[in-house]
Amino acid sequence: MLQEKDMVNDYLSGLNASLTGYATHISESNNPQLRQTLIQLRNQDENRQRALYEYALQKGYYQPAAPATQQVIQQTKTQLSSGQ
């Protein structure tokens, strides 16, 4: 039998995969109505993902990575802005 922690983590993984899929479909959609619907669905899933993330964090089911240092942040900004 699955434990609550496993179910929460599984649902979080599913939501994260869903959000990735929405990004692809939104960027490729040529129909404005479809695009808007996909954006609304993505926003709903983002809200679900955030609420579940906060629940998992509160329950101790999820341990976030340590915050990035300023050096890492600056390096990432530089790489992204230069197109690397």
PDB file of N, CA and C in Angstrom:
ATOM      1  N   MET A   1       0.842  -1.181   0.000  1.00  0.00           N
ATOM      2  CA  MET A   1       0.000   0.000   0.000  1.00  0.00           C
ATOM      3  C   MET A   1       0.890   1.249   0.000  1.00  0.00           C
ATOM      4  N   LEU A   2       0.536   2.189  -0.827  1.00  0.00           N
ATOM      5  CA  LEU A   2       1.302   3.434  -0.914  1.00  0.00           C
ATOM      6  C   LEU A   2       1.102   4.285   0.331  1.00  0.00           C
ATOM      7  N   GLN A   3       2.154   4.892   0.754  1.00  0.00           N
ATOM      8  CA  GLN A   3       2.100   5.837   1.854  1.00  0.00           C
ATOM      9  C   GLN A   3       1.721   7.212   1.314  1.00  0.00           C
ATOM     10  N   GLU A   4       1.231   8.080   2.186  1.00  0.00           N
ATOM     11  CA  GLU A   4       0.836   9.427   1.757  1.00  0.00           C
ATOM     12  C   GLU A   4       2.001  10.149   1.085  1.00  0.00           C
ATOM     13  N   LYS A   5       3.188  10.000   1.643  1.00  0.00           N
ATOM     14  CA  LYS A   5       4.371  10.660   1.069  1.00  0.00           C
ATOM     15  C   LYS A   5       4.569  10.244  -0.388  1.00  0.00           C
ATOM     16  N   ASP A   6       4.423   8.943  -0.664  1.00  0.00           N
ATOM     17  CA  ASP A   6       4.591   8.442  -2.027  1.00  0.00           C
ATOM     18  C   ASP A   6       3.525   9.008  -2.956  1.00  0.00           C
ATOM     19  N   MET A   7       2.296   9.076  -2.466  1.00  0.00           N
ATOM     20  CA  MET A   7       1.207   9.611  -3.294  1.00  0.00           C
ATOM     21  C   MET A   7       1.423  11.092  -3.598  1.00  0.00           C
ATOM     22  N   VAL A   8       1.859  11.854  -2.593  1.00  0.00           N
ATOM     23  CA  VAL A   8       2.111  13.280  -2.795  1.00  0.00           C
ATOM     24  C   VAL A   8       3.237  13.475  -3.796  1.00  0.00           C
ATOM     25  N   ASN A   9       4.320  12.729  -3.633  1.00  0.00           N
ATOM     26  CA  ASN A   9       5.451  12.856  -4.552  1.00  0.00           C
ATOM     27  C   ASN A   9       5.082  12.425  -5.969  1.00  0.00           C
ATOM     28  N   ASP A  10       4.258  11.392  -6.083  1.00  0.00           N
ATOM     29  CA  ASP A  10       3.807  10.936  -7.402  1.00  0.00           C
ATOM     30  C   ASP A  10       2.944  12.004  -8.079  1.00  0.00           C
ATOM     31  N   TYR A  11       2.048  12.584  -7.316  1.00  0.00           N
ATOM     32  CA  TYR A  11       1.179  13.633  -7.860  1.00  0.00           C
ATOM     33  C   TYR A  11       2.007  14.858  -8.259  1.00  0.00           C
ATOM     34  N   LEU A  12       2.981  15.218  -7.425  1.00  0.00           N
ATOM     35  CA  LEU A  12       3.863  16.339  -7.770  1.00  0.00           C
ATOM     36  C   LEU A  12       4.615  16.057  -9.068  1.00  0.00           C
ATOM     37  N   SER A  13       5.104  14.862  -9.223  1.00  0.00           N
ATOM     38  CA  SER A  13       5.822  14.500 -10.459  1.00  0.00           C
ATOM     39  C   SER A  13       4.906  14.605 -11.665  1.00  0.00           C
ATOM     40  N   GLY A  14       3.674  14.147 -11.511  1.00  0.00           N
ATOM     41  CA  GLY A  14       2.707  14.236 -12.596  1.00  0.00           C
ATOM     42  C   GLY A  14       2.384  15.670 -12.967  1.00  0.00           C
ATOM     43  N   LEU A  15       2.209  16.502 -11.954  1.00  0.00           N
ATOM     44  CA  LEU A  15       1.939  17.921 -12.221  1.00  0.00           C
ATOM     45  C   LEU A  15       3.119  18.578 -12.920  1.00  0.00           C
ATOM     46  N   ASN A  16       4.321  18.265 -12.483  1.00  0.00           N
ATOM     47  CA  ASN A  16       5.506  18.847 -13.120  1.00  0.00           C
ATOM     48  C   ASN A  16       5.609  18.429 -14.578  1.00  0.00           C
ATOM     49  N   ALA A  17       5.318  17.170 -14.871  1.00  0.00           N
ATOM     50  CA  ALA A  17       5.335  16.704 -16.261  1.00  0.00           C
ATOM     51  C   ALA A  17       4.247  17.400 -17.065  1.00  0.00           C
ATOM     52  N   SER A  18       3.095  17.584 -16.462  1.00  0.00           N
ATOM     53  CA  SER A  18       1.984  18.272 -17.120  1.00  0.00           C
ATOM     54  C   SER A  18       2.373  19.705 -17.474  1.00  0.00           C
ATOM     55  N   LEU A  19       3.029  20.379 -16.550  1.00  0.00           N
ATOM     56  CA  LEU A  19       3.433  21.765 -16.796  1.00  0.00           C
ATOM     57  C   LEU A  19       4.423  21.853 -17.951  1.00  0.00           C
ATOM     58  N   THR A  20       5.309  20.893 -18.042  1.00  0.00           N
ATOM     59  CA  THR A  20       6.250  20.859 -19.163  1.00  0.00           C
ATOM     60  C   THR A  20       5.509  20.680 -20.482  1.00  0.00           C
ATOM     61  N   GLY A  21       4.527  19.793 -20.473  1.00  0.00           N
ATOM     62  CA  GLY A  21       3.731  19.566 -21.675  1.00  0.00           C
ATOM     63  C   GLY A  21       2.956  20.796 -22.099  1.00  0.00           C
ATOM     64  N   TYR A  22       2.367  21.490 -21.128  1.00  0.00           N
ATOM     65  CA  TYR A  22       1.634  22.720 -21.450  1.00  0.00           C
ATOM     66  C   TYR A  22       2.551  23.736 -22.115  1.00  0.00           C
ATOM     67  N   ALA A  23       3.758  23.881 -21.617  1.00  0.00           N
ATOM     68  CA  ALA A  23       4.686  24.857 -22.199  1.00  0.00           C
ATOM     69  C   ALA A  23       4.909  24.566 -23.674  1.00  0.00           C
ATOM     70  N   THR A  24       5.095  23.311 -24.006  1.00  0.00           N
ATOM     71  CA  THR A  24       5.313  22.925 -25.399  1.00  0.00           C
ATOM     72  C   THR A  24       4.089  23.223 -26.253  1.00  0.00           C
ATOM     73  N   HIS A  25       2.933  22.802 -25.764  1.00  0.00           N
ATOM     74  CA  HIS A  25       1.705  22.973 -26.554  1.00  0.00           C
ATOM     75  C   HIS A  25       1.318  24.440 -26.702  1.00  0.00           C
ATOM     76  N   ILE A  26       1.529  25.226 -25.657  1.00  0.00           N
ATOM     77  CA  ILE A  26       1.210  26.657 -25.730  1.00  0.00           C
ATOM     78  C   ILE A  26       2.094  27.336 -26.776  1.00  0.00           C
ATOM     79  N   SER A  27       3.365  27.032 -26.748  1.00  0.00           N
ATOM     80  CA  SER A  27       4.282  27.691 -27.690  1.00  0.00           C
ATOM     81  C   SER A  27       4.027  27.276 -29.129  1.00  0.00           C
ATOM     82  N   GLU A  28       3.431  26.103 -29.339  1.00  0.00           N
ATOM     83  CA  GLU A  28       3.189  25.616 -30.691  1.00  0.00           C
ATOM     84  C   GLU A  28       1.764  25.843 -31.178  1.00  0.00           C
ATOM     85  N   SER A  29       0.913  26.376 -30.313  1.00  0.00           N
ATOM     86  CA  SER A  29      -0.496  26.552 -30.678  1.00  0.00           C
ATOM     87  C   SER A  29      -0.681  27.767 -31.578  1.00  0.00           C
ATOM     88  N   ASN A  30      -1.415  27.562 -32.656  1.00  0.00           N
ATOM     89  CA  ASN A  30      -1.693  28.630 -33.604  1.00  0.00           C
ATOM     90  C   ASN A  30      -3.098  29.209 -33.404  1.00  0.00           C
ATOM     91  N   ASN A  31      -3.951  28.471 -32.701  1.00  0.00           N
ATOM     92  CA  ASN A  31      -5.328  28.878 -32.465  1.00  0.00           C
ATOM     93  C   ASN A  31      -5.400  29.688 -31.171  1.00  0.00           C
ATOM     94  N   PRO A  32      -5.796  30.962 -31.241  1.00  0.00           N
ATOM     95  CA  PRO A  32      -5.810  31.809 -30.034  1.00  0.00           C
ATOM     96  C   PRO A  32      -6.697  31.270 -28.915  1.00  0.00           C
ATOM     97  N   GLN A  33      -7.836  30.691 -29.263  1.00  0.00           N
ATOM     98  CA  GLN A  33      -8.731  30.159 -28.230  1.00  0.00           C
ATOM     99  C   GLN A  33      -8.121  28.932 -27.552  1.00  0.00           C
ATOM    100  N   LEU A  34      -7.532  28.063 -28.351  1.00  0.00           N
ATOM    101  CA  LEU A  34      -6.865  26.893 -27.784  1.00  0.00           C
ATOM    102  C   LEU A  34      -5.699  27.323 -26.908  1.00  0.00           C
ATOM    103  N   ARG A  35      -4.937  28.268 -27.395  1.00  0.00           N
ATOM    104  CA  ARG A  35      -3.787  28.767 -26.637  1.00  0.00           C
ATOM    105  C   ARG A  35      -4.232  29.320 -25.288  1.00  0.00           C
ATOM    106  N   GLN A  36      -5.302  30.103 -25.278  1.00  0.00           N
ATOM    107  CA  GLN A  36      -5.799  30.692 -24.039  1.00  0.00           C
ATOM    108  C   GLN A  36      -6.300  29.610 -23.079  1.00  0.00           C
ATOM    109  N   THR A  37      -6.976  28.602 -23.626  1.00  0.00           N
ATOM    110  CA  THR A  37      -7.452  27.497 -22.792  1.00  0.00           C
ATOM    111  C   THR A  37      -6.281  26.751 -22.164  1.00  0.00           C
ATOM    112  N   LEU A  38      -5.255  26.492 -22.959  1.00  0.00           N
ATOM    113  CA  LEU A  38      -4.071  25.808 -22.438  1.00  0.00           C
ATOM    114  C   LEU A  38      -3.384  26.640 -21.357  1.00  0.00           C
ATOM    115  N   ILE A  39      -3.337  27.946 -21.543  1.00  0.00           N
ATOM    116  CA  ILE A  39      -2.738  28.826 -20.538  1.00  0.00           C
ATOM    117  C   ILE A  39      -3.530  28.752 -19.233  1.00  0.00           C
ATOM    118  N   GLN A  40      -4.857  28.751 -19.341  1.00  0.00           N
ATOM    119  CA  GLN A  40      -5.701  28.658 -18.141  1.00  0.00           C
ATOM    120  C   GLN A  40      -5.489  27.321 -17.425  1.00  0.00           C
ATOM    121  N   LEU A  41      -5.427  26.251 -18.198  1.00  0.00           N
ATOM    122  CA  LEU A  41      -5.192  24.935 -17.605  1.00  0.00           C
ATOM    123  C   LEU A  41      -3.814  24.866 -16.945  1.00  0.00           C
ATOM    124  N   ARG A  42      -2.822  25.429 -17.619  1.00  0.00           N
ATOM    125  CA  ARG A  42      -1.475  25.456 -17.044  1.00  0.00           C
ATOM    126  C   ARG A  42      -1.461  26.236 -15.739  1.00  0.00           C
ATOM    127  N   ASN A  43      -2.140  27.386 -15.719  1.00  0.00           N
ATOM    128  CA  ASN A  43      -2.183  28.197 -14.502  1.00  0.00           C
ATOM    129  C   ASN A  43      -2.839  27.437 -13.349  1.00  0.00           C
ATOM    130  N   GLN A  44      -3.899  26.692 -13.655  1.00  0.00           N
ATOM    131  CA  GLN A  44      -4.554  25.888 -12.618  1.00  0.00           C
ATOM    132  C   GLN A  44      -3.608  24.821 -12.078  1.00  0.00           C
ATOM    133  N   ASP A  45      -2.879  24.170 -12.982  1.00  0.00           N
ATOM    134  CA  ASP A  45      -1.923  23.157 -12.536  1.00  0.00           C
ATOM    135  C   ASP A  45      -0.771  23.785 -11.760  1.00  0.00           C
ATOM    136  N   GLU A  46      -0.341  24.977 -12.137  1.00  0.00           N
ATOM    137  CA  GLU A  46       0.709  25.654 -11.374  1.00  0.00           C
ATOM    138  C   GLU A  46       0.230  25.940  -9.954  1.00  0.00           C
ATOM    139  N   ASN A  47      -1.021  26.352  -9.817  1.00  0.00           N
ATOM    140  CA  ASN A  47      -1.572  26.601  -8.487  1.00  0.00           C
ATOM    141  C   ASN A  47      -1.659  25.309  -7.678  1.00  0.00           C
ATOM    142  N   ARG A  48      -2.095  24.225  -8.312  1.00  0.00           N
ATOM    143  CA  ARG A  48      -2.146  22.918  -7.640  1.00  0.00           C
ATOM    144  C   ARG A  48      -0.738  22.478  -7.221  1.00  0.00           C
ATOM    145  N   GLN A  49       0.204  22.653  -8.132  1.00  0.00           N
ATOM    146  CA  GLN A  49       1.574  22.237  -7.852  1.00  0.00           C
ATOM    147  C   GLN A  49       2.129  23.015  -6.668  1.00  0.00           C
ATOM    148  N   ARG A  50       1.878  24.311  -6.629  1.00  0.00           N
ATOM    149  CA  ARG A  50       2.404  25.125  -5.531  1.00  0.00           C
ATOM    150  C   ARG A  50       1.771  24.736  -4.198  1.00  0.00           C
ATOM    151  N   ALA A  51       0.454  24.521  -4.190  1.00  0.00           N
ATOM    152  CA  ALA A  51      -0.233  24.129  -2.958  1.00  0.00           C
ATOM    153  C   ALA A  51       0.271  22.770  -2.470  1.00  0.00           C
ATOM    154  N   LEU A  52       0.455  21.834  -3.389  1.00  0.00           N
ATOM    155  CA  LEU A  52       0.942  20.511  -3.010  1.00  0.00           C
ATOM    156  C   LEU A  52       2.395  20.575  -2.555  1.00  0.00           C
ATOM    157  N   TYR A  53       3.189  21.396  -3.208  1.00  0.00           N
ATOM    158  CA  TYR A  53       4.583  21.596  -2.794  1.00  0.00           C
ATOM    159  C   TYR A  53       4.630  22.112  -1.357  1.00  0.00           C
ATOM    160  N   GLU A  54       3.809  23.114  -1.053  1.00  0.00           N
ATOM    161  CA  GLU A  54       3.801  23.665   0.298  1.00  0.00           C
ATOM    162  C   GLU A  54       3.344  22.626   1.316  1.00  0.00           C
ATOM    163  N   TYR A  55       2.369  21.800   0.938  1.00  0.00           N
ATOM    164  CA  TYR A  55       1.901  20.729   1.816  1.00  0.00           C
ATOM    165  C   TYR A  55       3.037  19.730   2.063  1.00  0.00           C
ATOM    166  N   ALA A  56       3.706  19.314   0.990  1.00  0.00           N
ATOM    167  CA  ALA A  56       4.801  18.355   1.108  1.00  0.00           C
ATOM    168  C   ALA A  56       5.937  18.920   1.957  1.00  0.00           C
ATOM    169  N   LEU A  57       6.223  20.172   1.777  1.00  0.00           N
ATOM    170  CA  LEU A  57       7.270  20.828   2.557  1.00  0.00           C
ATOM    171  C   LEU A  57       6.897  20.847   4.035  1.00  0.00           C
ATOM    172  N   GLN A  58       5.654  21.203   4.321  1.00  0.00           N
ATOM    173  CA  GLN A  58       5.161  21.265   5.703  1.00  0.00           C
ATOM    174  C   GLN A  58       5.217  19.887   6.368  1.00  0.00           C
ATOM    175  N   LYS A  59       4.878  18.845   5.641  1.00  0.00           N
ATOM    176  CA  LYS A  59       4.857  17.487   6.179  1.00  0.00           C
ATOM    177  C   LYS A  59       6.250  16.857   6.246  1.00  0.00           C
ATOM    178  N   GLY A  60       7.233  17.520   5.633  1.00  0.00           N
ATOM    179  CA  GLY A  60       8.576  16.968   5.610  1.00  0.00           C
ATOM    180  C   GLY A  60       8.787  15.942   4.514  1.00  0.00           C
ATOM    181  N   TYR A  61       7.873  15.908   3.535  1.00  0.00           N
ATOM    182  CA  TYR A  61       7.977  14.963   2.425  1.00  0.00           C
ATOM    183  C   TYR A  61       8.945  15.447   1.352  1.00  0.00           C
ATOM    184  N   TYR A  62       9.272  16.706   1.404  1.00  0.00           N
ATOM    185  CA  TYR A  62      10.109  17.289   0.357  1.00  0.00           C
ATOM    186  C   TYR A  62      11.150  18.177   1.008  1.00  0.00           C
ATOM    187  N   GLN A  63      12.375  18.037   0.590  1.00  0.00           N
ATOM    188  CA  GLN A  63      13.468  18.861   1.090  1.00  0.00           C
ATOM    189  C   GLN A  63      14.039  19.645  -0.091  1.00  0.00           C
ATOM    190  N   PRO A  64      13.802  20.967  -0.123  1.00  0.00           N
ATOM    191  CA  PRO A  64      14.305  21.744  -1.256  1.00  0.00           C
ATOM    192  C   PRO A  64      15.832  21.825  -1.259  1.00  0.00           C
ATOM    193  N   ALA A  65      16.359  22.085  -2.420  1.00  0.00           N
ATOM    194  CA  ALA A  65      17.806  22.270  -2.557  1.00  0.00           C
ATOM    195  C   ALA A  65      18.228  23.526  -1.800  1.00  0.00           C
ATOM    196  N   ALA A  66      19.473  23.566  -1.432  1.00  0.00           N
ATOM    197  CA  ALA A  66      20.012  24.754  -0.761  1.00  0.00           C
ATOM    198  C   ALA A  66      19.937  25.945  -1.711  1.00  0.00           C
ATOM    199  N   PRO A  67      19.738  27.139  -1.179  1.00  0.00           N
ATOM    200  CA  PRO A  67      19.679  28.325  -2.043  1.00  0.00           C
ATOM    201  C   PRO A  67      20.991  28.513  -2.810  1.00  0.00           C
ATOM    202  N   ALA A  68      20.868  28.988  -4.021  1.00  0.00           N
ATOM    203  CA  ALA A  68      22.047  29.247  -4.848  1.00  0.00           C
ATOM    204  C   ALA A  68      22.818  30.447  -4.307  1.00  0.00           C
ATOM    205  N   THR A  69      24.114  30.396  -4.455  1.00  0.00           N
ATOM    206  CA  THR A  69      24.947  31.531  -4.053  1.00  0.00           C
ATOM    207  C   THR A  69      24.820  32.635  -5.100  1.00  0.00           C
ATOM    208  N   GLN A  70      25.198  33.828  -4.734  1.00  0.00           N
ATOM    209  CA  GLN A  70      25.168  34.942  -5.681  1.00  0.00           C
ATOM    210  C   GLN A  70      26.072  34.665  -6.879  1.00  0.00           C
ATOM    211  N   GLN A  71      27.183  33.989  -6.645  1.00  0.00           N
ATOM    212  CA  GLN A  71      28.100  33.661  -7.736  1.00  0.00           C
ATOM    213  C   GLN A  71      27.417  32.738  -8.756  1.00  0.00           C
ATOM    214  N   VAL A  72      26.714  31.731  -8.272  1.00  0.00           N
ATOM    215  CA  VAL A  72      26.015  30.800  -9.167  1.00  0.00           C
ATOM    216  C   VAL A  72      24.899  31.527  -9.913  1.00  0.00           C
ATOM    217  N   ILE A  73      24.180  32.393  -9.230  1.00  0.00           N
ATOM    218  CA  ILE A  73      23.106  33.164  -9.865  1.00  0.00           C
ATOM    219  C   ILE A  73      23.666  34.030 -10.978  1.00  0.00           C
ATOM    220  N   GLN A  74      24.741  34.727 -10.694  1.00  0.00           N
ATOM    221  CA  GLN A  74      25.352  35.602 -11.700  1.00  0.00           C
ATOM    222  C   GLN A  74      25.885  34.801 -12.876  1.00  0.00           C
ATOM    223  N   GLN A  75      26.503  33.666 -12.597  1.00  0.00           N
ATOM    224  CA  GLN A  75      27.032  32.816 -13.664  1.00  0.00           C
ATOM    225  C   GLN A  75      25.894  32.322 -14.560  1.00  0.00           C
ATOM    226  N   THR A  76      24.798  31.937 -13.964  1.00  0.00           N
ATOM    227  CA  THR A  76      23.646  31.467 -14.740  1.00  0.00           C
ATOM    228  C   THR A  76      23.069  32.593 -15.587  1.00  0.00           C
ATOM    229  N   LYS A  77      22.942  33.778 -15.016  1.00  0.00           N
ATOM    230  CA  LYS A  77      22.449  34.933 -15.770  1.00  0.00           C
ATOM    231  C   LYS A  77      23.344  35.214 -16.970  1.00  0.00           C
ATOM    232  N   THR A  78      24.627  35.163 -16.737  1.00  0.00           N
ATOM    233  CA  THR A  78      25.593  35.430 -17.815  1.00  0.00           C
ATOM    234  C   THR A  78      25.457  34.397 -18.926  1.00  0.00           C
ATOM    235  N   GLN A  79      25.354  33.125 -18.546  1.00  0.00           N
ATOM    236  CA  GLN A  79      25.227  32.057 -19.548  1.00  0.00           C
ATOM    237  C   GLN A  79      23.937  32.191 -20.331  1.00  0.00           C
ATOM    238  N   LEU A  80      22.850  32.497 -19.654  1.00  0.00           N
ATOM    239  CA  LEU A  80      21.565  32.610 -20.344  1.00  0.00           C
ATOM    240  C   LEU A  80      21.500  33.829 -21.249  1.00  0.00           C
ATOM    241  N   SER A  81      22.097  34.924 -20.806  1.00  0.00           N
ATOM    242  CA  SER A  81      22.030  36.135 -21.620  1.00  0.00           C
ATOM    243  C   SER A  81      22.971  36.083 -22.824  1.00  0.00           C
ATOM    244  N   SER A  82      23.995  35.236 -22.741  1.00  0.00           N
ATOM    245  CA  SER A  82      24.913  35.128 -23.870  1.00  0.00           C
ATOM    246  C   SER A  82      24.508  34.014 -24.828  1.00  0.00           C
ATOM    247  N   GLY A  83      23.421  33.300 -24.500  1.00  0.00           N
ATOM    248  CA  GLY A  83      22.915  32.271 -25.388  1.00  0.00           C
ATOM    249  C   GLY A  83      23.632  30.954 -25.313  1.00  0.00           C
ATOM    250  N   GLN A  84      24.412  30.727 -24.280  1.00  0.00           N
ATOM    251  CA  GLN A  84      25.156  29.461 -24.156  1.00  0.00           C
ATOM    252  C   GLN A  84      24.254  28.359 -23.684  1.00  0.00           C
TER     253      GLN A  84
END
